[in-house]
Amino acid sequence: MLIRTAIIEDNEIISEGRPIDSMLTRREKEILNGIAAGKTNEDIAEMLSISRHTVRTHIKNIYEKLHVHSKVAAVIKANEEGFNYNRLTR
């Protein structure tokens, strides 16, 4: 499954259709797992031994990459694209 995105410059498509797995970093995938499991930012920070501020930064990056504006929308988009929450690759 691919997320359909396109960067248009001078009416030319530069890139489109990147799989979610290649769009998100390992840490972003771990945080998306936590979000999907209903964990709070504080819970995710504690589980990953990072600050809440770092969790918020990763969430903002996830929103930007998935073109969404909420945690629910991020999980829905990931589900629609077939993201496997339990399979994290390095």
PDB file of N, CA and C in Angstrom:
ATOM      1  N   MET A   1       0.832  -1.176   0.000  1.00  0.00           N
ATOM      2  CA  MET A   1       0.000   0.000   0.000  1.00  0.00           C
ATOM      3  C   MET A   1       0.882   1.247   0.000  1.00  0.00           C
ATOM      4  N   LEU A   2       0.441   2.236  -0.687  1.00  0.00           N
ATOM      5  CA  LEU A   2       1.223   3.454  -0.795  1.00  0.00           C
ATOM      6  C   LEU A   2       0.408   4.658  -0.366  1.00  0.00           C
ATOM      7  N   ILE A   3       1.084   5.597   0.230  1.00  0.00           N
ATOM      8  CA  ILE A   3       0.455   6.897   0.478  1.00  0.00           C
ATOM      9  C   ILE A   3       0.707   7.717  -0.763  1.00  0.00           C
ATOM     10  N   ARG A   4      -0.328   8.270  -1.300  1.00  0.00           N
ATOM     11  CA  ARG A   4      -0.196   9.059  -2.518  1.00  0.00           C
ATOM     12  C   ARG A   4       0.143  10.492  -2.169  1.00  0.00           C
ATOM     13  N   THR A   5       1.368  10.866  -2.421  1.00  0.00           N
ATOM     14  CA  THR A   5       1.788  12.246  -2.210  1.00  0.00           C
ATOM     15  C   THR A   5       2.534  12.687  -3.442  1.00  0.00           C
ATOM     16  N   ALA A   6       2.504  13.934  -3.672  1.00  0.00           N
ATOM     17  CA  ALA A   6       3.234  14.455  -4.825  1.00  0.00           C
ATOM     18  C   ALA A   6       3.808  15.817  -4.484  1.00  0.00           C
ATOM     19  N   ILE A   7       5.000  16.035  -4.937  1.00  0.00           N
ATOM     20  CA  ILE A   7       5.618  17.346  -4.831  1.00  0.00           C
ATOM     21  C   ILE A   7       5.646  17.898  -6.242  1.00  0.00           C
ATOM     22  N   ILE A   8       4.991  19.016  -6.436  1.00  0.00           N
ATOM     23  CA  ILE A   8       4.913  19.589  -7.770  1.00  0.00           C
ATOM     24  C   ILE A   8       5.758  20.847  -7.821  1.00  0.00           C
ATOM     25  N   GLU A   9       6.649  20.882  -8.764  1.00  0.00           N
ATOM     26  CA  GLU A   9       7.524  22.033  -8.934  1.00  0.00           C
ATOM     27  C   GLU A   9       7.532  22.371 -10.417  1.00  0.00           C
ATOM     28  N   ASP A  10       7.146  23.570 -10.745  1.00  0.00           N
ATOM     29  CA  ASP A  10       7.053  23.987 -12.144  1.00  0.00           C
ATOM     30  C   ASP A  10       6.212  22.999 -12.952  1.00  0.00           C
ATOM     31  N   ASN A  11       5.056  22.602 -12.371  1.00  0.00           N
ATOM     32  CA  ASN A  11       4.109  21.695 -13.016  1.00  0.00           C
ATOM     33  C   ASN A  11       4.689  20.311 -13.320  1.00  0.00           C
ATOM     34  N   GLU A  12       5.751  19.911 -12.621  1.00  0.00           N
ATOM     35  CA  GLU A  12       6.342  18.588 -12.821  1.00  0.00           C
ATOM     36  C   GLU A  12       6.285  17.815 -11.509  1.00  0.00           C
ATOM     37  N   ILE A  13       5.804  16.581 -11.546  1.00  0.00           N
ATOM     38  CA  ILE A  13       5.743  15.753 -10.341  1.00  0.00           C
ATOM     39  C   ILE A  13       7.136  15.213 -10.059  1.00  0.00           C
ATOM     40  N   ILE A  14       7.615  15.480  -8.848  1.00  0.00           N
ATOM     41  CA  ILE A  14       8.956  15.051  -8.467  1.00  0.00           C
ATOM     42  C   ILE A  14       8.930  13.683  -7.792  1.00  0.00           C
ATOM     43  N   SER A  15       7.976  13.445  -6.898  1.00  0.00           N
ATOM     44  CA  SER A  15       7.881  12.131  -6.259  1.00  0.00           C
ATOM     45  C   SER A  15       6.442  11.859  -5.894  1.00  0.00           C
ATOM     46  N   GLU A  16       6.084  10.592  -5.897  1.00  0.00           N
ATOM     47  CA  GLU A  16       4.743  10.230  -5.458  1.00  0.00           C
ATOM     48  C   GLU A  16       4.721   8.787  -5.005  1.00  0.00           C
ATOM     49  N   GLY A  17       3.762   8.469  -4.128  1.00  0.00           N
ATOM     50  CA  GLY A  17       3.512   7.104  -3.721  1.00  0.00           C
ATOM     51  C   GLY A  17       4.626   6.419  -2.959  1.00  0.00           C
ATOM     52  N   ARG A  18       4.921   6.891  -1.753  1.00  0.00           N
ATOM     53  CA  ARG A  18       5.921   6.222  -0.926  1.00  0.00           C
ATOM     54  C   ARG A  18       5.221   5.409   0.151  1.00  0.00           C
ATOM     55  N   PRO A  19       5.655   4.163   0.373  1.00  0.00           N
ATOM     56  CA  PRO A  19       5.043   3.365   1.444  1.00  0.00           C
ATOM     57  C   PRO A  19       5.284   4.017   2.807  1.00  0.00           C
ATOM     58  N   ILE A  20       4.314   3.870   3.698  1.00  0.00           N
ATOM     59  CA  ILE A  20       4.435   4.432   5.039  1.00  0.00           C
ATOM     60  C   ILE A  20       5.715   3.961   5.714  1.00  0.00           C
ATOM     61  N   ASP A  21       6.049   2.690   5.570  1.00  0.00           N
ATOM     62  CA  ASP A  21       7.245   2.161   6.228  1.00  0.00           C
ATOM     63  C   ASP A  21       8.507   2.904   5.828  1.00  0.00           C
ATOM     64  N   SER A  22       8.555   3.394   4.612  1.00  0.00           N
ATOM     65  CA  SER A  22       9.764   4.116   4.196  1.00  0.00           C
ATOM     66  C   SER A  22       9.691   5.609   4.517  1.00  0.00           C
ATOM     67  N   MET A  23       8.506   6.084   4.865  1.00  0.00           N
ATOM     68  CA  MET A  23       8.336   7.504   5.168  1.00  0.00           C
ATOM     69  C   MET A  23       8.675   7.839   6.609  1.00  0.00           C
ATOM     70  N   LEU A  24       8.392   6.911   7.519  1.00  0.00           N
ATOM     71  CA  LEU A  24       8.568   7.177   8.940  1.00  0.00           C
ATOM     72  C   LEU A  24       9.862   6.559   9.456  1.00  0.00           C
ATOM     73  N   THR A  25      10.487   7.255  10.398  1.00  0.00           N
ATOM     74  CA  THR A  25      11.668   6.694  11.049  1.00  0.00           C
ATOM     75  C   THR A  25      11.237   5.598  12.011  1.00  0.00           C
ATOM     76  N   ARG A  26      12.204   4.830  12.468  1.00  0.00           N
ATOM     77  CA  ARG A  26      11.896   3.788  13.449  1.00  0.00           C
ATOM     78  C   ARG A  26      11.222   4.407  14.682  1.00  0.00           C
ATOM     79  N   ARG A  27      11.739   5.498  15.182  1.00  0.00           N
ATOM     80  CA  ARG A  27      11.182   6.132  16.379  1.00  0.00           C
ATOM     81  C   ARG A  27       9.763   6.623  16.113  1.00  0.00           C
ATOM     82  N   GLU A  28       9.515   7.194  14.944  1.00  0.00           N
ATOM     83  CA  GLU A  28       8.158   7.635  14.593  1.00  0.00           C
ATOM     84  C   GLU A  28       7.209   6.447  14.547  1.00  0.00           C
ATOM     85  N   LYS A  29       7.683   5.314  14.045  1.00  0.00           N
ATOM     86  CA  LYS A  29       6.852   4.104  14.013  1.00  0.00           C
ATOM     87  C   LYS A  29       6.543   3.631  15.430  1.00  0.00           C
ATOM     88  N   GLU A  30       7.542   3.695  16.317  1.00  0.00           N
ATOM     89  CA  GLU A  30       7.322   3.304  17.713  1.00  0.00           C
ATOM     90  C   GLU A  30       6.285   4.219  18.359  1.00  0.00           C
ATOM     91  N   ILE A  31       6.362   5.483  18.068  1.00  0.00           N
ATOM     92  CA  ILE A  31       5.411   6.437  18.639  1.00  0.00           C
ATOM     93  C   ILE A  31       4.024   6.219  18.044  1.00  0.00           C
ATOM     94  N   LEU A  32       3.936   5.947  16.760  1.00  0.00           N
ATOM     95  CA  LEU A  32       2.647   5.641  16.137  1.00  0.00           C
ATOM     96  C   LEU A  32       2.041   4.383  16.755  1.00  0.00           C
ATOM     97  N   ASN A  33       2.877   3.397  17.075  1.00  0.00           N
ATOM     98  CA  ASN A  33       2.406   2.206  17.795  1.00  0.00           C
ATOM     99  C   ASN A  33       1.776   2.598  19.123  1.00  0.00           C
ATOM    100  N   GLY A  34       2.452   3.470  19.868  1.00  0.00           N
ATOM    101  CA  GLY A  34       1.932   3.922  21.156  1.00  0.00           C
ATOM    102  C   GLY A  34       0.623   4.670  21.016  1.00  0.00           C
ATOM    103  N   ILE A  35       0.550   5.528  20.020  1.00  0.00           N
ATOM    104  CA  ILE A  35      -0.687   6.272  19.765  1.00  0.00           C
ATOM    105  C   ILE A  35      -1.830   5.302  19.471  1.00  0.00           C
ATOM    106  N   ALA A  36      -1.568   4.333  18.600  1.00  0.00           N
ATOM    107  CA  ALA A  36      -2.603   3.361  18.220  1.00  0.00           C
ATOM    108  C   ALA A  36      -3.042   2.514  19.419  1.00  0.00           C
ATOM    109  N   ALA A  37      -2.137   2.319  20.366  1.00  0.00           N
ATOM    110  CA  ALA A  37      -2.461   1.544  21.565  1.00  0.00           C
ATOM    111  C   ALA A  37      -3.177   2.392  22.616  1.00  0.00           C
ATOM    112  N   GLY A  38      -3.384   3.678  22.323  1.00  0.00           N
ATOM    113  CA  GLY A  38      -4.107   4.546  23.238  1.00  0.00           C
ATOM    114  C   GLY A  38      -3.258   5.131  24.346  1.00  0.00           C
ATOM    115  N   LYS A  39      -1.948   5.075  24.189  1.00  0.00           N
ATOM    116  CA  LYS A  39      -1.037   5.612  25.203  1.00  0.00           C
ATOM    117  C   LYS A  39      -1.002   7.133  25.140  1.00  0.00           C
ATOM    118  N   THR A  40      -0.803   7.756  26.277  1.00  0.00           N
ATOM    119  CA  THR A  40      -0.641   9.210  26.323  1.00  0.00           C
ATOM    120  C   THR A  40       0.784   9.557  25.915  1.00  0.00           C
ATOM    121  N   ASN A  41       1.011  10.833  25.630  1.00  0.00           N
ATOM    122  CA  ASN A  41       2.377  11.277  25.314  1.00  0.00           C
ATOM    123  C   ASN A  41       3.316  10.949  26.474  1.00  0.00           C
ATOM    124  N   GLU A  42       2.834  11.123  27.688  1.00  0.00           N
ATOM    125  CA  GLU A  42       3.645  10.840  28.869  1.00  0.00           C
ATOM    126  C   GLU A  42       3.992   9.355  28.938  1.00  0.00           C
ATOM    127  N   ASP A  43       3.011   8.490  28.665  1.00  0.00           N
ATOM    128  CA  ASP A  43       3.257   7.042  28.668  1.00  0.00           C
ATOM    129  C   ASP A  43       4.300   6.669  27.620  1.00  0.00           C
ATOM    130  N   ILE A  44       4.146   7.234  26.425  1.00  0.00           N
ATOM    131  CA  ILE A  44       5.077   6.937  25.333  1.00  0.00           C
ATOM    132  C   ILE A  44       6.478   7.406  25.701  1.00  0.00           C
ATOM    133  N   ALA A  45       6.578   8.600  26.273  1.00  0.00           N
ATOM    134  CA  ALA A  45       7.879   9.135  26.675  1.00  0.00           C
ATOM    135  C   ALA A  45       8.548   8.207  27.686  1.00  0.00           C
ATOM    136  N   GLU A  46       7.784   7.761  28.650  1.00  0.00           N
ATOM    137  CA  GLU A  46       8.344   6.874  29.675  1.00  0.00           C
ATOM    138  C   GLU A  46       8.772   5.535  29.071  1.00  0.00           C
ATOM    139  N   MET A  47       7.927   4.962  28.217  1.00  0.00           N
ATOM    140  CA  MET A  47       8.247   3.665  27.594  1.00  0.00           C
ATOM    141  C   MET A  47       9.515   3.736  26.749  1.00  0.00           C
ATOM    142  N   LEU A  48       9.727   4.870  26.069  1.00  0.00           N
ATOM    143  CA  LEU A  48      10.860   5.004  25.152  1.00  0.00           C
ATOM    144  C   LEU A  48      12.044   5.748  25.775  1.00  0.00           C
ATOM    145  N   SER A  49      11.902   6.125  27.017  1.00  0.00           N
ATOM    146  CA  SER A  49      12.957   6.856  27.741  1.00  0.00           C
ATOM    147  C   SER A  49      13.386   8.132  27.022  1.00  0.00           C
ATOM    148  N   ILE A  50      12.369   8.894  26.621  1.00  0.00           N
ATOM    149  CA  ILE A  50      12.598  10.187  25.989  1.00  0.00           C
ATOM    150  C   ILE A  50      11.684  11.206  26.652  1.00  0.00           C
ATOM    151  N   SER A  51      11.900  12.479  26.387  1.00  0.00           N
ATOM    152  CA  SER A  51      11.067  13.513  27.014  1.00  0.00           C
ATOM    153  C   SER A  51       9.719  13.639  26.303  1.00  0.00           C
ATOM    154  N   ARG A  52       8.752  14.227  27.014  1.00  0.00           N
ATOM    155  CA  ARG A  52       7.433  14.483  26.402  1.00  0.00           C
ATOM    156  C   ARG A  52       7.577  15.441  25.230  1.00  0.00           C
ATOM    157  N   HIS A  53       8.489  16.384  25.364  1.00  0.00           N
ATOM    158  CA  HIS A  53       8.729  17.332  24.271  1.00  0.00           C
ATOM    159  C   HIS A  53       9.207  16.591  23.016  1.00  0.00           C
ATOM    160  N   THR A  54      10.076  15.626  23.182  1.00  0.00           N
ATOM    161  CA  THR A  54      10.566  14.842  22.037  1.00  0.00           C
ATOM    162  C   THR A  54       9.435  14.038  21.414  1.00  0.00           C
ATOM    163  N   VAL A  55       8.560  13.493  22.247  1.00  0.00           N
ATOM    164  CA  VAL A  55       7.394  12.768  21.727  1.00  0.00           C
ATOM    165  C   VAL A  55       6.547  13.714  20.889  1.00  0.00           C
ATOM    166  N   ARG A  56       6.278  14.918  21.398  1.00  0.00           N
ATOM    167  CA  ARG A  56       5.470  15.894  20.642  1.00  0.00           C
ATOM    168  C   ARG A  56       6.130  16.249  19.311  1.00  0.00           C
ATOM    169  N   THR A  57       7.442  16.379  19.325  1.00  0.00           N
ATOM    170  CA  THR A  57       8.162  16.688  18.080  1.00  0.00           C
ATOM    171  C   THR A  57       7.995  15.558  17.071  1.00  0.00           C
ATOM    172  N   HIS A  58       8.137  14.323  17.523  1.00  0.00           N
ATOM    173  CA  HIS A  58       7.954  13.181  16.620  1.00  0.00           C
ATOM    174  C   HIS A  58       6.520  13.127  16.090  1.00  0.00           C
ATOM    175  N   ILE A  59       5.552  13.420  16.946  1.00  0.00           N
ATOM    176  CA  ILE A  59       4.150  13.409  16.514  1.00  0.00           C
ATOM    177  C   ILE A  59       3.914  14.472  15.442  1.00  0.00           C
ATOM    178  N   LYS A  60       4.486  15.652  15.628  1.00  0.00           N
ATOM    179  CA  LYS A  60       4.358  16.697  14.607  1.00  0.00           C
ATOM    180  C   LYS A  60       4.961  16.234  13.281  1.00  0.00           C
ATOM    181  N   ASN A  61       6.092  15.537  13.354  1.00  0.00           N
ATOM    182  CA  ASN A  61       6.721  15.012  12.135  1.00  0.00           C
ATOM    183  C   ASN A  61       5.849  13.962  11.466  1.00  0.00           C
ATOM    184  N   ILE A  62       5.212  13.117  12.271  1.00  0.00           N
ATOM    185  CA  ILE A  62       4.291  12.108  11.733  1.00  0.00           C
ATOM    186  C   ILE A  62       3.138  12.800  11.016  1.00  0.00           C
ATOM    187  N   TYR A  63       2.554  13.816  11.655  1.00  0.00           N
ATOM    188  CA  TYR A  63       1.450  14.559  11.043  1.00  0.00           C
ATOM    189  C   TYR A  63       1.869  15.124   9.690  1.00  0.00           C
ATOM    190  N   GLU A  64       3.035  15.735   9.655  1.00  0.00           N
ATOM    191  CA  GLU A  64       3.509  16.344   8.412  1.00  0.00           C
ATOM    192  C   GLU A  64       3.713  15.294   7.320  1.00  0.00           C
ATOM    193  N   LYS A  65       4.336  14.195   7.673  1.00  0.00           N
ATOM    194  CA  LYS A  65       4.624  13.156   6.677  1.00  0.00           C
ATOM    195  C   LYS A  65       3.361  12.468   6.172  1.00  0.00           C
ATOM    196  N   LEU A  66       2.368  12.306   7.054  1.00  0.00           N
ATOM    197  CA  LEU A  66       1.128  11.625   6.661  1.00  0.00           C
ATOM    198  C   LEU A  66       0.053  12.593   6.180  1.00  0.00           C
ATOM    199  N   HIS A  67       0.350  13.891   6.269  1.00  0.00           N
ATOM    200  CA  HIS A  67      -0.601  14.929   5.854  1.00  0.00           C
ATOM    201  C   HIS A  67      -1.903  14.835   6.641  1.00  0.00           C
ATOM    202  N   VAL A  68      -1.763  14.767   7.984  1.00  0.00           N
ATOM    203  CA  VAL A  68      -2.915  14.719   8.881  1.00  0.00           C
ATOM    204  C   VAL A  68      -2.725  15.767   9.969  1.00  0.00           C
ATOM    205  N   HIS A  69      -3.772  15.942  10.799  1.00  0.00           N
ATOM    206  CA  HIS A  69      -3.727  16.974  11.834  1.00  0.00           C
ATOM    207  C   HIS A  69      -4.116  16.468  13.219  1.00  0.00           C
ATOM    208  N   SER A  70      -4.226  15.151  13.378  1.00  0.00           N
ATOM    209  CA  SER A  70      -4.576  14.612  14.689  1.00  0.00           C
ATOM    210  C   SER A  70      -4.056  13.183  14.821  1.00  0.00           C
ATOM    211  N   LYS A  71      -4.010  12.730  16.072  1.00  0.00           N
ATOM    212  CA  LYS A  71      -3.578  11.358  16.331  1.00  0.00           C
ATOM    213  C   LYS A  71      -4.536  10.357  15.692  1.00  0.00           C
ATOM    214  N   VAL A  72      -5.824  10.629  15.834  1.00  0.00           N
ATOM    215  CA  VAL A  72      -6.826   9.720  15.257  1.00  0.00           C
ATOM    216  C   VAL A  72      -6.650   9.630  13.741  1.00  0.00           C
ATOM    217  N   ALA A  73      -6.470  10.768  13.098  1.00  0.00           N
ATOM    218  CA  ALA A  73      -6.287  10.776  11.642  1.00  0.00           C
ATOM    219  C   ALA A  73      -5.005  10.035  11.246  1.00  0.00           C
ATOM    220  N   ALA A  74      -3.961  10.152  12.046  1.00  0.00           N
ATOM    221  CA  ALA A  74      -2.707   9.448  11.746  1.00  0.00           C
ATOM    222  C   ALA A  74      -2.915   7.939  11.803  1.00  0.00           C
ATOM    223  N   VAL A  75      -3.619   7.471  12.819  1.00  0.00           N
ATOM    224  CA  VAL A  75      -3.875   6.035  12.954  1.00  0.00           C
ATOM    225  C   VAL A  75      -4.784   5.545  11.824  1.00  0.00           C
ATOM    226  N   ILE A  76      -5.804   6.314  11.506  1.00  0.00           N
ATOM    227  CA  ILE A  76      -6.711   5.928  10.418  1.00  0.00           C
ATOM    228  C   ILE A  76      -5.942   5.833   9.104  1.00  0.00           C
ATOM    229  N   LYS A  77      -5.125   6.836   8.814  1.00  0.00           N
ATOM    230  CA  LYS A  77      -4.349   6.837   7.572  1.00  0.00           C
ATOM    231  C   LYS A  77      -3.395   5.644   7.537  1.00  0.00           C
ATOM    232  N   ALA A  78      -2.729   5.383   8.649  1.00  0.00           N
ATOM    233  CA  ALA A  78      -1.816   4.243   8.714  1.00  0.00           C
ATOM    234  C   ALA A  78      -2.578   2.936   8.494  1.00  0.00           C
ATOM    235  N   ASN A  79      -3.752   2.803   9.094  1.00  0.00           N
ATOM    236  CA  ASN A  79      -4.578   1.605   8.901  1.00  0.00           C
ATOM    237  C   ASN A  79      -4.970   1.449   7.440  1.00  0.00           C
ATOM    238  N   GLU A  80      -5.414   2.535   6.829  1.00  0.00           N
ATOM    239  CA  GLU A  80      -5.827   2.490   5.421  1.00  0.00           C
ATOM    240  C   GLU A  80      -4.684   2.067   4.509  1.00  0.00           C
ATOM    241  N   GLU A  81      -3.474   2.430   4.895  1.00  0.00           N
ATOM    242  CA  GLU A  81      -2.308   2.114   4.070  1.00  0.00           C
ATOM    243  C   GLU A  81      -1.666   0.785   4.442  1.00  0.00           C
ATOM    244  N   GLY A  82      -2.271   0.056   5.383  1.00  0.00           N
ATOM    245  CA  GLY A  82      -1.780  -1.274   5.736  1.00  0.00           C
ATOM    246  C   GLY A  82      -0.553  -1.293   6.625  1.00  0.00           C
ATOM    247  N   PHE A  83      -0.343  -0.218   7.389  1.00  0.00           N
ATOM    248  CA  PHE A  83       0.806  -0.177   8.286  1.00  0.00           C
ATOM    249  C   PHE A  83       0.689  -1.274   9.321  1.00  0.00           C
ATOM    250  N   ASN A  84       1.769  -2.047   9.502  1.00  0.00           N
ATOM    251  CA  ASN A  84       1.802  -3.132  10.479  1.00  0.00           C
ATOM    252  C   ASN A  84       2.419  -2.596  11.764  1.00  0.00           C
ATOM    253  N   TYR A  85       1.594  -2.348  12.769  1.00  0.00           N
ATOM    254  CA  TYR A  85       2.043  -1.719  14.004  1.00  0.00           C
ATOM    255  C   TYR A  85       3.052  -2.547  14.780  1.00  0.00           C
ATOM    256  N   ASN A  86       2.984  -3.848  14.667  1.00  0.00           N
ATOM    257  CA  ASN A  86       3.843  -4.698  15.481  1.00  0.00           C
ATOM    258  C   ASN A  86       5.151  -5.063  14.783  1.00  0.00           C
ATOM    259  N   ARG A  87       5.276  -4.756  13.529  1.00  0.00           N
ATOM    260  CA  ARG A  87       6.495  -5.103  12.781  1.00  0.00           C
ATOM    261  C   ARG A  87       7.319  -3.828  12.586  1.00  0.00           C
ATOM    262  N   LEU A  88       8.318  -3.687  13.406  1.00  0.00           N
ATOM    263  CA  LEU A  88       9.201  -2.530  13.294  1.00  0.00           C
ATOM    264  C   LEU A  88      10.539  -2.998  12.753  1.00  0.00           C
ATOM    265  N   THR A  89      11.020  -2.296  11.736  1.00  0.00           N
ATOM    266  CA  THR A  89      12.296  -2.670  11.149  1.00  0.00           C
ATOM    267  C   THR A  89      13.333  -1.619  11.480  1.00  0.00           C
ATOM    268  N   ARG A  90      14.567  -2.014  11.470  1.00  0.00           N
ATOM    269  CA  ARG A  90      15.661  -1.056  11.718  1.00  0.00           C
ATOM    270  C   ARG A  90      16.045  -0.374  10.438  1.00  0.00           C
TER     271      ARG A  90
END
